[in-house]
Amino acid sequence: MTTTQFQVTGMTCGHCEMSVREEVQEVAGVTGVQVSHQTGQLSVTSAEPVDKAAVIAAVEEAGYQVVRSA
């Protein structure tokens, strides 16, 4: 199990979190998503290392931007 952290900008409420969660959950290999509009933190868990570009694209599809990933 691996966890990848992302910093997301633009989220202001629980609905924002839900939008990001729904998009990121569709990325191949993702098994869990934790997101906080208060901190901008997005944690993605997966069995194998996740495709960061796919996660970033999913966040952008939800209408937000990743400013940093670790």
PDB file of N, CA and C in Angstrom:
ATOM      1  N   MET A   1       0.852  -1.182   0.000  1.00  0.00           N
ATOM      2  CA  MET A   1       0.000   0.000   0.000  1.00  0.00           C
ATOM      3  C   MET A   1       0.891   1.237   0.000  1.00  0.00           C
ATOM      4  N   THR A   2       0.609   2.152  -0.904  1.00  0.00           N
ATOM      5  CA  THR A   2       1.359   3.403  -0.949  1.00  0.00           C
ATOM      6  C   THR A   2       0.391   4.570  -0.808  1.00  0.00           C
ATOM      7  N   THR A   3       0.896   5.661  -0.244  1.00  0.00           N
ATOM      8  CA  THR A   3       0.105   6.885  -0.108  1.00  0.00           C
ATOM      9  C   THR A   3       0.869   8.005  -0.780  1.00  0.00           C
ATOM     10  N   THR A   4       0.189   8.747  -1.632  1.00  0.00           N
ATOM     11  CA  THR A   4       0.784   9.875  -2.342  1.00  0.00           C
ATOM     12  C   THR A   4       0.038  11.134  -1.927  1.00  0.00           C
ATOM     13  N   GLN A   5       0.795  12.175  -1.599  1.00  0.00           N
ATOM     14  CA  GLN A   5       0.215  13.436  -1.126  1.00  0.00           C
ATOM     15  C   GLN A   5       0.235  14.478  -2.238  1.00  0.00           C
ATOM     16  N   PHE A   6      -0.827  15.261  -2.290  1.00  0.00           N
ATOM     17  CA  PHE A   6      -0.934  16.366  -3.240  1.00  0.00           C
ATOM     18  C   PHE A   6      -1.451  17.585  -2.495  1.00  0.00           C
ATOM     19  N   GLN A   7      -1.046  18.767  -2.948  1.00  0.00           N
ATOM     20  CA  GLN A   7      -1.575  20.024  -2.412  1.00  0.00           C
ATOM     21  C   GLN A   7      -2.462  20.620  -3.494  1.00  0.00           C
ATOM     22  N   VAL A   8      -3.725  20.861  -3.149  1.00  0.00           N
ATOM     23  CA  VAL A   8      -4.719  21.325  -4.120  1.00  0.00           C
ATOM     24  C   VAL A   8      -5.173  22.727  -3.736  1.00  0.00           C
ATOM     25  N   THR A   9      -5.332  23.613  -4.726  1.00  0.00           N
ATOM     26  CA  THR A   9      -5.833  24.966  -4.462  1.00  0.00           C
ATOM     27  C   THR A   9      -7.231  25.122  -5.042  1.00  0.00           C
ATOM     28  N   GLY A  10      -7.984  26.032  -4.445  1.00  0.00           N
ATOM     29  CA  GLY A  10      -9.293  26.393  -4.971  1.00  0.00           C
ATOM     30  C   GLY A  10     -10.477  25.775  -4.252  1.00  0.00           C
ATOM     31  N   MET A  11     -10.257  24.799  -3.391  1.00  0.00           N
ATOM     32  CA  MET A  11     -11.369  24.168  -2.687  1.00  0.00           C
ATOM     33  C   MET A  11     -11.806  25.051  -1.519  1.00  0.00           C
ATOM     34  N   THR A  12     -13.125  25.223  -1.364  1.00  0.00           N
ATOM     35  CA  THR A  12     -13.628  26.086  -0.297  1.00  0.00           C
ATOM     36  C   THR A  12     -14.683  25.425   0.585  1.00  0.00           C
ATOM     37  N   CYS A  13     -15.146  24.218   0.217  1.00  0.00           N
ATOM     38  CA  CYS A  13     -16.243  23.619   0.984  1.00  0.00           C
ATOM     39  C   CYS A  13     -16.282  22.102   0.801  1.00  0.00           C
ATOM     40  N   GLY A  14     -17.220  21.486   1.500  1.00  0.00           N
ATOM     41  CA  GLY A  14     -17.386  20.036   1.406  1.00  0.00           C
ATOM     42  C   GLY A  14     -17.762  19.577   0.011  1.00  0.00           C
ATOM     43  N   HIS A  15     -18.500  20.396  -0.719  1.00  0.00           N
ATOM     44  CA  HIS A  15     -18.860  20.020  -2.094  1.00  0.00           C
ATOM     45  C   HIS A  15     -17.614  19.953  -2.970  1.00  0.00           C
ATOM     46  N   CYS A  16     -16.678  20.858  -2.730  1.00  0.00           N
ATOM     47  CA  CYS A  16     -15.401  20.835  -3.462  1.00  0.00           C
ATOM     48  C   CYS A  16     -14.678  19.518  -3.193  1.00  0.00           C
ATOM     49  N   GLU A  17     -14.639  19.132  -1.920  1.00  0.00           N
ATOM     50  CA  GLU A  17     -13.997  17.871  -1.543  1.00  0.00           C
ATOM     51  C   GLU A  17     -14.647  16.700  -2.269  1.00  0.00           C
ATOM     52  N   MET A  18     -15.983  16.691  -2.304  1.00  0.00           N
ATOM     53  CA  MET A  18     -16.714  15.602  -2.941  1.00  0.00           C
ATOM     54  C   MET A  18     -16.382  15.529  -4.435  1.00  0.00           C
ATOM     55  N   SER A  19     -16.309  16.671  -5.082  1.00  0.00           N
ATOM     56  CA  SER A  19     -15.988  16.699  -6.515  1.00  0.00           C
ATOM     57  C   SER A  19     -14.608  16.109  -6.779  1.00  0.00           C
ATOM     58  N   VAL A  20     -13.620  16.517  -5.979  1.00  0.00           N
ATOM     59  CA  VAL A  20     -12.264  16.004  -6.138  1.00  0.00           C
ATOM     60  C   VAL A  20     -12.240  14.502  -5.856  1.00  0.00           C
ATOM     61  N   ARG A  21     -12.880  14.085  -4.759  1.00  0.00           N
ATOM     62  CA  ARG A  21     -12.902  12.668  -4.369  1.00  0.00           C
ATOM     63  C   ARG A  21     -13.499  11.806  -5.486  1.00  0.00           C
ATOM     64  N   GLU A  22     -14.626  12.244  -6.041  1.00  0.00           N
ATOM     65  CA  GLU A  22     -15.290  11.463  -7.090  1.00  0.00           C
ATOM     66  C   GLU A  22     -14.408  11.293  -8.321  1.00  0.00           C
ATOM     67  N   GLU A  23     -13.724  12.353  -8.734  1.00  0.00           N
ATOM     68  CA  GLU A  23     -12.861  12.269  -9.919  1.00  0.00           C
ATOM     69  C   GLU A  23     -11.635  11.398  -9.656  1.00  0.00           C
ATOM     70  N   VAL A  24     -10.982  11.598  -8.510  1.00  0.00           N
ATOM     71  CA  VAL A  24      -9.745  10.875  -8.215  1.00  0.00           C
ATOM     72  C   VAL A  24     -10.012   9.386  -8.004  1.00  0.00           C
ATOM     73  N   GLN A  25     -11.166   9.028  -7.446  1.00  0.00           N
ATOM     74  CA  GLN A  25     -11.495   7.619  -7.229  1.00  0.00           C
ATOM     75  C   GLN A  25     -11.570   6.840  -8.539  1.00  0.00           C
ATOM     76  N   GLU A  26     -11.771   7.537  -9.655  1.00  0.00           N
ATOM     77  CA  GLU A  26     -11.860   6.880 -10.958  1.00  0.00           C
ATOM     78  C   GLU A  26     -10.495   6.567 -11.568  1.00  0.00           C
ATOM     79  N   VAL A  27      -9.423   7.090 -10.989  1.00  0.00           N
ATOM     80  CA  VAL A  27      -8.073   6.832 -11.500  1.00  0.00           C
ATOM     81  C   VAL A  27      -7.718   5.367 -11.233  1.00  0.00           C
ATOM     82  N   ALA A  28      -7.180   4.708 -12.236  1.00  0.00           N
ATOM     83  CA  ALA A  28      -6.827   3.287 -12.118  1.00  0.00           C
ATOM     84  C   ALA A  28      -5.885   3.047 -10.948  1.00  0.00           C
ATOM     85  N   GLY A  29      -6.223   2.058 -10.120  1.00  0.00           N
ATOM     86  CA  GLY A  29      -5.361   1.664  -9.021  1.00  0.00           C
ATOM     87  C   GLY A  29      -5.628   2.355  -7.701  1.00  0.00           C
ATOM     88  N   VAL A  30      -6.424   3.428  -7.714  1.00  0.00           N
ATOM     89  CA  VAL A  30      -6.698   4.165  -6.479  1.00  0.00           C
ATOM     90  C   VAL A  30      -7.648   3.343  -5.606  1.00  0.00           C
ATOM     91  N   THR A  31      -7.256   3.165  -4.336  1.00  0.00           N
ATOM     92  CA  THR A  31      -8.089   2.407  -3.401  1.00  0.00           C
ATOM     93  C   THR A  31      -8.701   3.291  -2.320  1.00  0.00           C
ATOM     94  N   GLY A  32      -8.172   4.501  -2.139  1.00  0.00           N
ATOM     95  CA  GLY A  32      -8.715   5.399  -1.133  1.00  0.00           C
ATOM     96  C   GLY A  32      -8.327   6.832  -1.399  1.00  0.00           C
ATOM     97  N   VAL A  33      -9.223   7.755  -0.997  1.00  0.00           N
ATOM     98  CA  VAL A  33      -8.984   9.180  -1.199  1.00  0.00           C
ATOM     99  C   VAL A  33      -9.395   9.926   0.065  1.00  0.00           C
ATOM    100  N   GLN A  34      -8.485  10.724   0.601  1.00  0.00           N
ATOM    101  CA  GLN A  34      -8.779  11.628   1.707  1.00  0.00           C
ATOM    102  C   GLN A  34      -8.486  13.036   1.208  1.00  0.00           C
ATOM    103  N   VAL A  35      -9.442  13.948   1.405  1.00  0.00           N
ATOM    104  CA  VAL A  35      -9.247  15.313   0.915  1.00  0.00           C
ATOM    105  C   VAL A  35      -9.833  16.298   1.927  1.00  0.00           C
ATOM    106  N   SER A  36      -9.136  17.422   2.120  1.00  0.00           N
ATOM    107  CA  SER A  36      -9.587  18.456   3.054  1.00  0.00           C
ATOM    108  C   SER A  36      -9.554  19.817   2.366  1.00  0.00           C
ATOM    109  N   HIS A  37     -10.709  20.470   2.305  1.00  0.00           N
ATOM    110  CA  HIS A  37     -10.723  21.815   1.725  1.00  0.00           C
ATOM    111  C   HIS A  37     -10.045  22.812   2.649  1.00  0.00           C
ATOM    112  N   GLN A  38     -10.003  22.510   3.950  1.00  0.00           N
ATOM    113  CA  GLN A  38      -9.395  23.429   4.916  1.00  0.00           C
ATOM    114  C   GLN A  38      -7.885  23.507   4.760  1.00  0.00           C
ATOM    115  N   THR A  39      -7.240  22.370   4.511  1.00  0.00           N
ATOM    116  CA  THR A  39      -5.776  22.349   4.377  1.00  0.00           C
ATOM    117  C   THR A  39      -5.319  22.267   2.931  1.00  0.00           C
ATOM    118  N   GLY A  40      -6.224  21.853   2.033  1.00  0.00           N
ATOM    119  CA  GLY A  40      -5.853  21.653   0.642  1.00  0.00           C
ATOM    120  C   GLY A  40      -5.135  20.341   0.406  1.00  0.00           C
ATOM    121  N   GLN A  41      -5.070  19.504   1.445  1.00  0.00           N
ATOM    122  CA  GLN A  41      -4.349  18.235   1.331  1.00  0.00           C
ATOM    123  C   GLN A  41      -5.211  17.172   0.660  1.00  0.00           C
ATOM    124  N   LEU A  42      -4.602  16.451  -0.259  1.00  0.00           N
ATOM    125  CA  LEU A  42      -5.215  15.306  -0.920  1.00  0.00           C
ATOM    126  C   LEU A  42      -4.268  14.128  -0.738  1.00  0.00           C
ATOM    127  N   SER A  43      -4.768  13.063  -0.101  1.00  0.00           N
ATOM    128  CA  SER A  43      -3.984  11.838   0.092  1.00  0.00           C
ATOM    129  C   SER A  43      -4.635  10.736  -0.714  1.00  0.00           C
ATOM    130  N   VAL A  44      -3.842  10.100  -1.565  1.00  0.00           N
ATOM    131  CA  VAL A  44      -4.340   9.033  -2.423  1.00  0.00           C
ATOM    132  C   VAL A  44      -3.632   7.739  -2.048  1.00  0.00           C
ATOM    133  N   THR A  45      -4.393   6.718  -1.710  1.00  0.00           N
ATOM    134  CA  THR A  45      -3.798   5.420  -1.400  1.00  0.00           C
ATOM    135  C   THR A  45      -4.045   4.464  -2.552  1.00  0.00           C
ATOM    136  N   SER A  46      -3.062   3.584  -2.761  1.00  0.00           N
ATOM    137  CA  SER A  46      -3.140   2.619  -3.854  1.00  0.00           C
ATOM    138  C   SER A  46      -2.234   1.434  -3.526  1.00  0.00           C
ATOM    139  N   ALA A  47      -2.507   0.305  -4.163  1.00  0.00           N
ATOM    140  CA  ALA A  47      -1.687  -0.888  -3.939  1.00  0.00           C
ATOM    141  C   ALA A  47      -0.294  -0.694  -4.541  1.00  0.00           C
ATOM    142  N   GLU A  48      -0.243  -0.087  -5.696  1.00  0.00           N
ATOM    143  CA  GLU A  48       1.010   0.205  -6.398  1.00  0.00           C
ATOM    144  C   GLU A  48       1.143   1.725  -6.509  1.00  0.00           C
ATOM    145  N   PRO A  49       2.336   2.248  -6.749  1.00  0.00           N
ATOM    146  CA  PRO A  49       2.465   3.702  -6.931  1.00  0.00           C
ATOM    147  C   PRO A  49       1.488   4.214  -7.996  1.00  0.00           C
ATOM    148  N   VAL A  50       0.777   5.266  -7.653  1.00  0.00           N
ATOM    149  CA  VAL A  50      -0.260   5.798  -8.526  1.00  0.00           C
ATOM    150  C   VAL A  50       0.368   6.680  -9.606  1.00  0.00           C
ATOM    151  N   ASP A  51      -0.309   6.778 -10.741  1.00  0.00           N
ATOM    152  CA  ASP A  51       0.116   7.646 -11.835  1.00  0.00           C
ATOM    153  C   ASP A  51      -0.214   9.089 -11.443  1.00  0.00           C
ATOM    154  N   LYS A  52       0.804   9.842 -11.033  1.00  0.00           N
ATOM    155  CA  LYS A  52       0.577  11.212 -10.558  1.00  0.00           C
ATOM    156  C   LYS A  52      -0.082  12.081 -11.621  1.00  0.00           C
ATOM    157  N   ALA A  53       0.307  11.904 -12.872  1.00  0.00           N
ATOM    158  CA  ALA A  53      -0.283  12.704 -13.949  1.00  0.00           C
ATOM    159  C   ALA A  53      -1.780  12.443 -14.063  1.00  0.00           C
ATOM    160  N   ALA A  54      -2.199  11.199 -13.847  1.00  0.00           N
ATOM    161  CA  ALA A  54      -3.619  10.859 -13.910  1.00  0.00           C
ATOM    162  C   ALA A  54      -4.383  11.486 -12.756  1.00  0.00           C
ATOM    163  N   VAL A  55      -3.779  11.517 -11.571  1.00  0.00           N
ATOM    164  CA  VAL A  55      -4.418  12.146 -10.407  1.00  0.00           C
ATOM    165  C   VAL A  55      -4.537  13.651 -10.647  1.00  0.00           C
ATOM    166  N   ILE A  56      -3.473  14.262 -11.133  1.00  0.00           N
ATOM    167  CA  ILE A  56      -3.496  15.705 -11.413  1.00  0.00           C
ATOM    168  C   ILE A  56      -4.569  16.023 -12.451  1.00  0.00           C
ATOM    169  N   ALA A  57      -4.683  15.200 -13.487  1.00  0.00           N
ATOM    170  CA  ALA A  57      -5.707  15.404 -14.509  1.00  0.00           C
ATOM    171  C   ALA A  57      -7.113  15.274 -13.904  1.00  0.00           C
ATOM    172  N   ALA A  58      -7.295  14.341 -12.974  1.00  0.00           N
ATOM    173  CA  ALA A  58      -8.597  14.155 -12.326  1.00  0.00           C
ATOM    174  C   ALA A  58      -8.951  15.372 -11.473  1.00  0.00           C
ATOM    175  N   VAL A  59      -7.967  15.910 -10.754  1.00  0.00           N
ATOM    176  CA  VAL A  59      -8.201  17.108  -9.940  1.00  0.00           C
ATOM    177  C   VAL A  59      -8.590  18.275 -10.854  1.00  0.00           C
ATOM    178  N   GLU A  60      -7.891  18.415 -11.971  1.00  0.00           N
ATOM    179  CA  GLU A  60      -8.197  19.487 -12.922  1.00  0.00           C
ATOM    180  C   GLU A  60      -9.578  19.297 -13.527  1.00  0.00           C
ATOM    181  N   GLU A  61      -9.973  18.047 -13.773  1.00  0.00           N
ATOM    182  CA  GLU A  61     -11.307  17.752 -14.304  1.00  0.00           C
ATOM    183  C   GLU A  61     -12.380  18.208 -13.317  1.00  0.00           C
ATOM    184  N   ALA A  62     -12.072  18.111 -12.021  1.00  0.00           N
ATOM    185  CA  ALA A  62     -13.003  18.551 -10.982  1.00  0.00           C
ATOM    186  C   ALA A  62     -13.029  20.079 -10.849  1.00  0.00           C
ATOM    187  N   GLY A  63     -12.072  20.760 -11.497  1.00  0.00           N
ATOM    188  CA  GLY A  63     -12.062  22.218 -11.494  1.00  0.00           C
ATOM    189  C   GLY A  63     -11.056  22.861 -10.557  1.00  0.00           C
ATOM    190  N   TYR A  64     -10.063  22.090 -10.111  1.00  0.00           N
ATOM    191  CA  TYR A  64      -9.074  22.600  -9.146  1.00  0.00           C
ATOM    192  C   TYR A  64      -7.678  22.346  -9.676  1.00  0.00           C
ATOM    193  N   GLN A  65      -6.676  22.848  -8.957  1.00  0.00           N
ATOM    194  CA  GLN A  65      -5.296  22.700  -9.411  1.00  0.00           C
ATOM    195  C   GLN A  65      -4.417  22.064  -8.334  1.00  0.00           C
ATOM    196  N   VAL A  66      -3.538  21.174  -8.777  1.00  0.00           N
ATOM    197  CA  VAL A  66      -2.512  20.633  -7.888  1.00  0.00           C
ATOM    198  C   VAL A  66      -1.312  21.568  -7.978  1.00  0.00           C
ATOM    199  N   VAL A  67      -0.867  22.061  -6.831  1.00  0.00           N
ATOM    200  CA  VAL A  67       0.286  22.958  -6.832  1.00  0.00           C
ATOM    201  C   VAL A  67       1.558  22.248  -6.404  1.00  0.00           C
ATOM    202  N   ARG A  68       1.403  21.054  -5.778  1.00  0.00           N
ATOM    203  CA  ARG A  68       2.587  20.322  -5.336  1.00  0.00           C
ATOM    204  C   ARG A  68       2.191  18.882  -5.094  1.00  0.00           C
ATOM    205  N   SER A  69       3.092  17.976  -5.425  1.00  0.00           N
ATOM    206  CA  SER A  69       2.864  16.560  -5.107  1.00  0.00           C
ATOM    207  C   SER A  69       4.123  15.993  -4.474  1.00  0.00           C
ATOM    208  N   ALA A  70       3.926  14.992  -3.633  1.00  0.00           N
ATOM    209  CA  ALA A  70       5.067  14.369  -2.945  1.00  0.00           C
ATOM    210  C   ALA A  70       4.931  12.865  -3.012  1.00  0.00           C
TER     211      ALA A  70
END
